[in-house]
Amino acid sequence: MLVVQLRTVPSRVKYQVSIFKYQVTEKQQLVLDFIKAYMRLHGIPPSYEVIAKGLGLKAKSNIHRVIHKLKADGLIETKPYKFHSIRLVDKSARAMVNL
C-alpha cells in the first residue's frame, strides 16, 4: 500500500508529497502523472516538448530540470540522446524485494 502525505513547507514549494523516502514536489508529481497518462493513451513516453505543452509551460528547460531531478531520485529512467526514452520505475516492487 502506498502512503502519500501532503504537508506545507516554508520554501517556494507549497506542498511536498512523500512517497516512501523520496520527496516529490507538486510540479514533479504533475509531470509524473502526465507521463503516466500519456503512456497509457499513446503507448510511448512523451518528449520534453509534449510534456511542456501538455502542462501549459512555454520552456522545455523547466521539464528538463524536473525530469533530471526525478531521475536522480530514481523514480524514472532515461536513455541519453534518445527521444521518447522516459521509463517509469516501480519503487513498490523494489521495496518488496528488499524486505
N, C-alpha and C. Protein backbone atom coordinates (compact mmCIF):
# COMPACT_ATOMS: atom_id res chain seq x y z
N MET A 1 0.84 -1.18 0.00
CA MET A 1 0.00 0.00 0.00
C MET A 1 0.88 1.23 0.00
N LEU A 2 0.57 2.17 -0.85
CA LEU A 2 1.34 3.40 -1.00
C LEU A 2 0.73 4.48 -0.10
N VAL A 3 1.55 5.05 0.73
CA VAL A 3 1.09 6.11 1.64
C VAL A 3 1.60 7.44 1.12
N VAL A 4 0.70 8.36 0.89
CA VAL A 4 1.05 9.68 0.39
C VAL A 4 0.64 10.71 1.44
N GLN A 5 1.58 11.58 1.78
CA GLN A 5 1.30 12.62 2.77
C GLN A 5 1.54 13.98 2.12
N LEU A 6 0.62 14.89 2.29
CA LEU A 6 0.82 16.27 1.85
C LEU A 6 1.11 17.11 3.08
N ARG A 7 2.12 17.95 2.97
CA ARG A 7 2.41 18.84 4.09
C ARG A 7 2.93 20.15 3.55
N THR A 8 2.74 21.21 4.31
CA THR A 8 3.20 22.53 3.88
C THR A 8 4.68 22.66 4.22
N VAL A 9 5.41 23.32 3.35
CA VAL A 9 6.82 23.57 3.60
C VAL A 9 7.08 25.07 3.47
N PRO A 10 8.06 25.58 4.19
CA PRO A 10 8.26 27.03 4.23
C PRO A 10 8.87 27.64 2.97
N SER A 11 9.42 26.84 2.06
CA SER A 11 10.07 27.40 0.88
C SER A 11 9.05 27.81 -0.18
N ARG A 12 9.51 28.01 -1.41
CA ARG A 12 8.63 28.42 -2.50
C ARG A 12 7.61 27.34 -2.86
N VAL A 13 7.94 26.10 -2.58
CA VAL A 13 7.06 24.98 -2.90
C VAL A 13 5.93 24.95 -1.88
N LYS A 14 4.69 24.88 -2.36
CA LYS A 14 3.56 24.89 -1.44
C LYS A 14 3.37 23.55 -0.74
N TYR A 15 3.55 22.47 -1.48
CA TYR A 15 3.34 21.14 -0.91
C TYR A 15 4.45 20.21 -1.36
N GLN A 16 4.73 19.23 -0.55
CA GLN A 16 5.62 18.16 -0.94
C GLN A 16 4.90 16.86 -0.69
N VAL A 17 5.05 15.93 -1.60
CA VAL A 17 4.42 14.63 -1.47
C VAL A 17 5.48 13.64 -1.06
N SER A 18 5.22 12.86 -0.04
CA SER A 18 6.19 11.90 0.44
C SER A 18 5.80 10.51 -0.05
N ILE A 19 6.64 9.93 -0.91
CA ILE A 19 6.44 8.56 -1.37
C ILE A 19 7.65 7.78 -0.88
N PHE A 20 7.42 6.86 0.05
CA PHE A 20 8.50 6.14 0.71
C PHE A 20 9.46 7.16 1.29
N LYS A 21 10.73 7.18 0.85
CA LYS A 21 11.67 8.13 1.41
C LYS A 21 11.96 9.30 0.46
N TYR A 22 11.27 9.36 -0.66
CA TYR A 22 11.51 10.40 -1.66
C TYR A 22 10.56 11.56 -1.45
N GLN A 23 11.07 12.78 -1.60
CA GLN A 23 10.25 13.97 -1.53
C GLN A 23 9.96 14.43 -2.95
N VAL A 24 8.71 14.45 -3.32
CA VAL A 24 8.30 14.85 -4.66
C VAL A 24 7.50 16.14 -4.54
N THR A 25 7.93 17.17 -5.27
CA THR A 25 7.21 18.44 -5.22
C THR A 25 5.93 18.34 -6.05
N GLU A 26 5.11 19.35 -5.93
CA GLU A 26 3.84 19.37 -6.66
C GLU A 26 4.06 19.33 -8.17
N LYS A 27 5.04 20.10 -8.66
CA LYS A 27 5.33 20.13 -10.10
C LYS A 27 5.88 18.78 -10.58
N GLN A 28 6.73 18.16 -9.77
CA GLN A 28 7.26 16.85 -10.13
C GLN A 28 6.14 15.81 -10.19
N GLN A 29 5.19 15.90 -9.27
CA GLN A 29 4.06 14.96 -9.28
C GLN A 29 3.19 15.19 -10.52
N LEU A 30 3.01 16.46 -10.92
CA LEU A 30 2.27 16.76 -12.15
C LEU A 30 2.94 16.13 -13.37
N VAL A 31 4.26 16.24 -13.44
CA VAL A 31 5.00 15.67 -14.56
C VAL A 31 4.87 14.15 -14.56
N LEU A 32 5.02 13.53 -13.39
CA LEU A 32 4.87 12.07 -13.30
C LEU A 32 3.47 11.63 -13.74
N ASP A 33 2.45 12.32 -13.27
CA ASP A 33 1.08 11.98 -13.64
C ASP A 33 0.85 12.16 -15.14
N PHE A 34 1.42 13.23 -15.72
CA PHE A 34 1.27 13.46 -17.16
C PHE A 34 1.95 12.33 -17.95
N ILE A 35 3.15 11.94 -17.52
CA ILE A 35 3.86 10.87 -18.22
C ILE A 35 3.06 9.57 -18.17
N LYS A 36 2.52 9.24 -17.00
CA LYS A 36 1.71 8.01 -16.86
C LYS A 36 0.49 8.05 -17.77
N ALA A 37 -0.22 9.18 -17.77
CA ALA A 37 -1.43 9.30 -18.58
C ALA A 37 -1.10 9.25 -20.07
N TYR A 38 -0.03 9.93 -20.49
CA TYR A 38 0.36 9.94 -21.90
C TYR A 38 0.75 8.54 -22.37
N MET A 39 1.49 7.83 -21.53
CA MET A 39 1.90 6.47 -21.89
C MET A 39 0.70 5.53 -21.99
N ARG A 40 -0.28 5.73 -21.12
CA ARG A 40 -1.50 4.92 -21.18
C ARG A 40 -2.28 5.18 -22.47
N LEU A 41 -2.33 6.45 -22.88
CA LEU A 41 -3.08 6.82 -24.07
C LEU A 41 -2.37 6.45 -25.38
N HIS A 42 -1.08 6.75 -25.46
CA HIS A 42 -0.36 6.63 -26.72
C HIS A 42 0.57 5.43 -26.82
N GLY A 43 0.89 4.81 -25.70
CA GLY A 43 1.75 3.64 -25.72
C GLY A 43 3.24 3.93 -25.77
N ILE A 44 3.62 5.19 -25.90
CA ILE A 44 5.03 5.58 -25.88
C ILE A 44 5.20 6.75 -24.91
N PRO A 45 6.39 6.93 -24.38
CA PRO A 45 6.61 8.07 -23.47
C PRO A 45 6.62 9.39 -24.22
N PRO A 46 6.25 10.47 -23.56
CA PRO A 46 6.24 11.79 -24.22
C PRO A 46 7.64 12.38 -24.29
N SER A 47 7.83 13.30 -25.22
CA SER A 47 9.08 14.07 -25.29
C SER A 47 8.96 15.26 -24.33
N TYR A 48 10.07 15.94 -24.10
CA TYR A 48 10.05 17.12 -23.22
C TYR A 48 9.09 18.17 -23.75
N GLU A 49 9.08 18.34 -25.07
CA GLU A 49 8.21 19.35 -25.69
C GLU A 49 6.73 19.01 -25.47
N VAL A 50 6.38 17.76 -25.61
CA VAL A 50 4.99 17.33 -25.40
C VAL A 50 4.58 17.54 -23.95
N ILE A 51 5.48 17.22 -23.01
CA ILE A 51 5.18 17.42 -21.58
C ILE A 51 4.98 18.91 -21.31
N ALA A 52 5.86 19.75 -21.84
CA ALA A 52 5.75 21.21 -21.62
C ALA A 52 4.44 21.74 -22.15
N LYS A 53 4.08 21.35 -23.38
CA LYS A 53 2.81 21.82 -23.95
C LYS A 53 1.62 21.28 -23.19
N GLY A 54 1.70 20.03 -22.77
CA GLY A 54 0.59 19.41 -22.04
C GLY A 54 0.34 20.05 -20.68
N LEU A 55 1.39 20.57 -20.07
CA LEU A 55 1.25 21.22 -18.76
C LEU A 55 1.13 22.74 -18.87
N GLY A 56 1.12 23.25 -20.10
CA GLY A 56 0.94 24.69 -20.30
C GLY A 56 2.17 25.51 -20.02
N LEU A 57 3.35 24.92 -20.16
CA LEU A 57 4.60 25.64 -19.95
C LEU A 57 5.19 26.02 -21.30
N LYS A 58 5.93 27.13 -21.34
CA LYS A 58 6.50 27.58 -22.60
C LYS A 58 7.90 27.02 -22.85
N ALA A 59 8.64 26.75 -21.78
CA ALA A 59 10.03 26.33 -21.93
C ALA A 59 10.22 24.86 -21.61
N LYS A 60 11.01 24.19 -22.47
CA LYS A 60 11.34 22.79 -22.22
C LYS A 60 12.37 22.66 -21.11
N SER A 61 13.08 23.75 -20.80
CA SER A 61 14.12 23.70 -19.78
C SER A 61 13.53 23.39 -18.40
N ASN A 62 12.32 23.86 -18.14
CA ASN A 62 11.66 23.53 -16.87
C ASN A 62 11.43 22.02 -16.76
N ILE A 63 10.98 21.42 -17.84
CA ILE A 63 10.73 19.98 -17.85
C ILE A 63 12.05 19.22 -17.72
N HIS A 64 13.07 19.71 -18.39
CA HIS A 64 14.40 19.10 -18.32
C HIS A 64 14.88 19.03 -16.87
N ARG A 65 14.73 20.13 -16.15
CA ARG A 65 15.15 20.20 -14.74
C ARG A 65 14.36 19.22 -13.89
N VAL A 66 13.05 19.18 -14.07
CA VAL A 66 12.18 18.29 -13.28
C VAL A 66 12.49 16.83 -13.59
N ILE A 67 12.66 16.51 -14.87
CA ILE A 67 12.96 15.13 -15.28
C ILE A 67 14.27 14.66 -14.67
N HIS A 68 15.28 15.52 -14.69
CA HIS A 68 16.58 15.11 -14.13
C HIS A 68 16.54 14.97 -12.62
N LYS A 69 15.71 15.73 -11.94
CA LYS A 69 15.53 15.57 -10.50
C LYS A 69 14.83 14.23 -10.21
N LEU A 70 13.79 13.90 -10.99
CA LEU A 70 13.11 12.62 -10.84
C LEU A 70 14.05 11.46 -11.15
N LYS A 71 14.91 11.65 -12.13
CA LYS A 71 15.89 10.61 -12.48
C LYS A 71 16.89 10.43 -11.34
N ALA A 72 17.33 11.53 -10.74
CA ALA A 72 18.27 11.45 -9.62
C ALA A 72 17.64 10.76 -8.42
N ASP A 73 16.33 10.94 -8.23
CA ASP A 73 15.61 10.30 -7.13
C ASP A 73 15.31 8.83 -7.42
N GLY A 74 15.52 8.40 -8.67
CA GLY A 74 15.29 7.01 -9.03
C GLY A 74 13.85 6.68 -9.36
N LEU A 75 13.03 7.70 -9.63
CA LEU A 75 11.63 7.46 -9.94
C LEU A 75 11.39 7.20 -11.43
N ILE A 76 12.33 7.66 -12.27
CA ILE A 76 12.25 7.40 -13.71
C ILE A 76 13.64 7.08 -14.22
N GLU A 77 13.70 6.52 -15.41
CA GLU A 77 14.96 6.27 -16.09
C GLU A 77 14.87 6.85 -17.50
N THR A 78 15.99 7.33 -18.02
CA THR A 78 16.03 7.83 -19.39
C THR A 78 17.29 7.30 -20.07
N LYS A 79 17.24 7.26 -21.40
CA LYS A 79 18.42 6.91 -22.18
C LYS A 79 18.98 8.21 -22.75
N PRO A 80 20.27 8.45 -22.59
CA PRO A 80 20.83 9.71 -23.11
C PRO A 80 20.76 9.79 -24.62
N TYR A 81 20.50 10.98 -25.12
CA TYR A 81 20.46 11.30 -26.55
C TYR A 81 19.35 10.56 -27.31
N LYS A 82 18.31 10.15 -26.63
CA LYS A 82 17.19 9.46 -27.28
C LYS A 82 15.90 10.22 -26.98
N PHE A 83 15.06 10.39 -28.00
CA PHE A 83 13.75 10.98 -27.80
C PHE A 83 12.79 9.92 -27.28
N HIS A 84 11.80 10.31 -26.56
CA HIS A 84 10.77 9.39 -26.04
C HIS A 84 11.40 8.23 -25.28
N SER A 85 12.37 8.51 -24.41
CA SER A 85 13.08 7.43 -23.73
C SER A 85 12.80 7.37 -22.23
N ILE A 86 11.78 8.06 -21.76
CA ILE A 86 11.46 8.07 -20.33
C ILE A 86 10.80 6.75 -19.96
N ARG A 87 11.27 6.15 -18.87
CA ARG A 87 10.67 4.91 -18.39
C ARG A 87 10.40 5.07 -16.90
N LEU A 88 9.19 4.75 -16.48
CA LEU A 88 8.83 4.85 -15.07
C LEU A 88 9.41 3.66 -14.32
N VAL A 89 9.88 3.91 -13.10
CA VAL A 89 10.44 2.87 -12.26
C VAL A 89 9.44 2.58 -11.15
N ASP A 90 9.08 1.32 -10.99
CA ASP A 90 8.12 0.94 -9.96
C ASP A 90 8.86 0.69 -8.64
N LYS A 91 8.82 1.68 -7.74
CA LYS A 91 9.51 1.58 -6.47
C LYS A 91 8.86 0.59 -5.51
N SER A 92 7.56 0.36 -5.65
CA SER A 92 6.89 -0.54 -4.71
C SER A 92 7.39 -1.97 -4.90
N ALA A 93 7.65 -2.38 -6.13
CA ALA A 93 8.15 -3.73 -6.38
C ALA A 93 9.57 -3.88 -5.82
N ARG A 94 10.39 -2.86 -6.00
CA ARG A 94 11.76 -2.93 -5.48
C ARG A 94 11.75 -2.96 -3.95
N ALA A 95 10.84 -2.24 -3.33
CA ALA A 95 10.76 -2.22 -1.87
C ALA A 95 10.36 -3.59 -1.33
N MET A 96 9.48 -4.28 -2.03
CA MET A 96 9.06 -5.60 -1.60
C MET A 96 10.20 -6.62 -1.73
N VAL A 97 11.02 -6.49 -2.75
CA VAL A 97 12.14 -7.41 -2.95
C VAL A 97 13.18 -7.24 -1.85
N ASN A 98 13.36 -6.01 -1.40
CA ASN A 98 14.36 -5.72 -0.38
C ASN A 98 13.93 -6.12 1.04
N LEU A 99 12.70 -6.56 1.23
CA LEU A 99 12.26 -6.94 2.58
C LEU A 99 12.91 -8.15 3.09
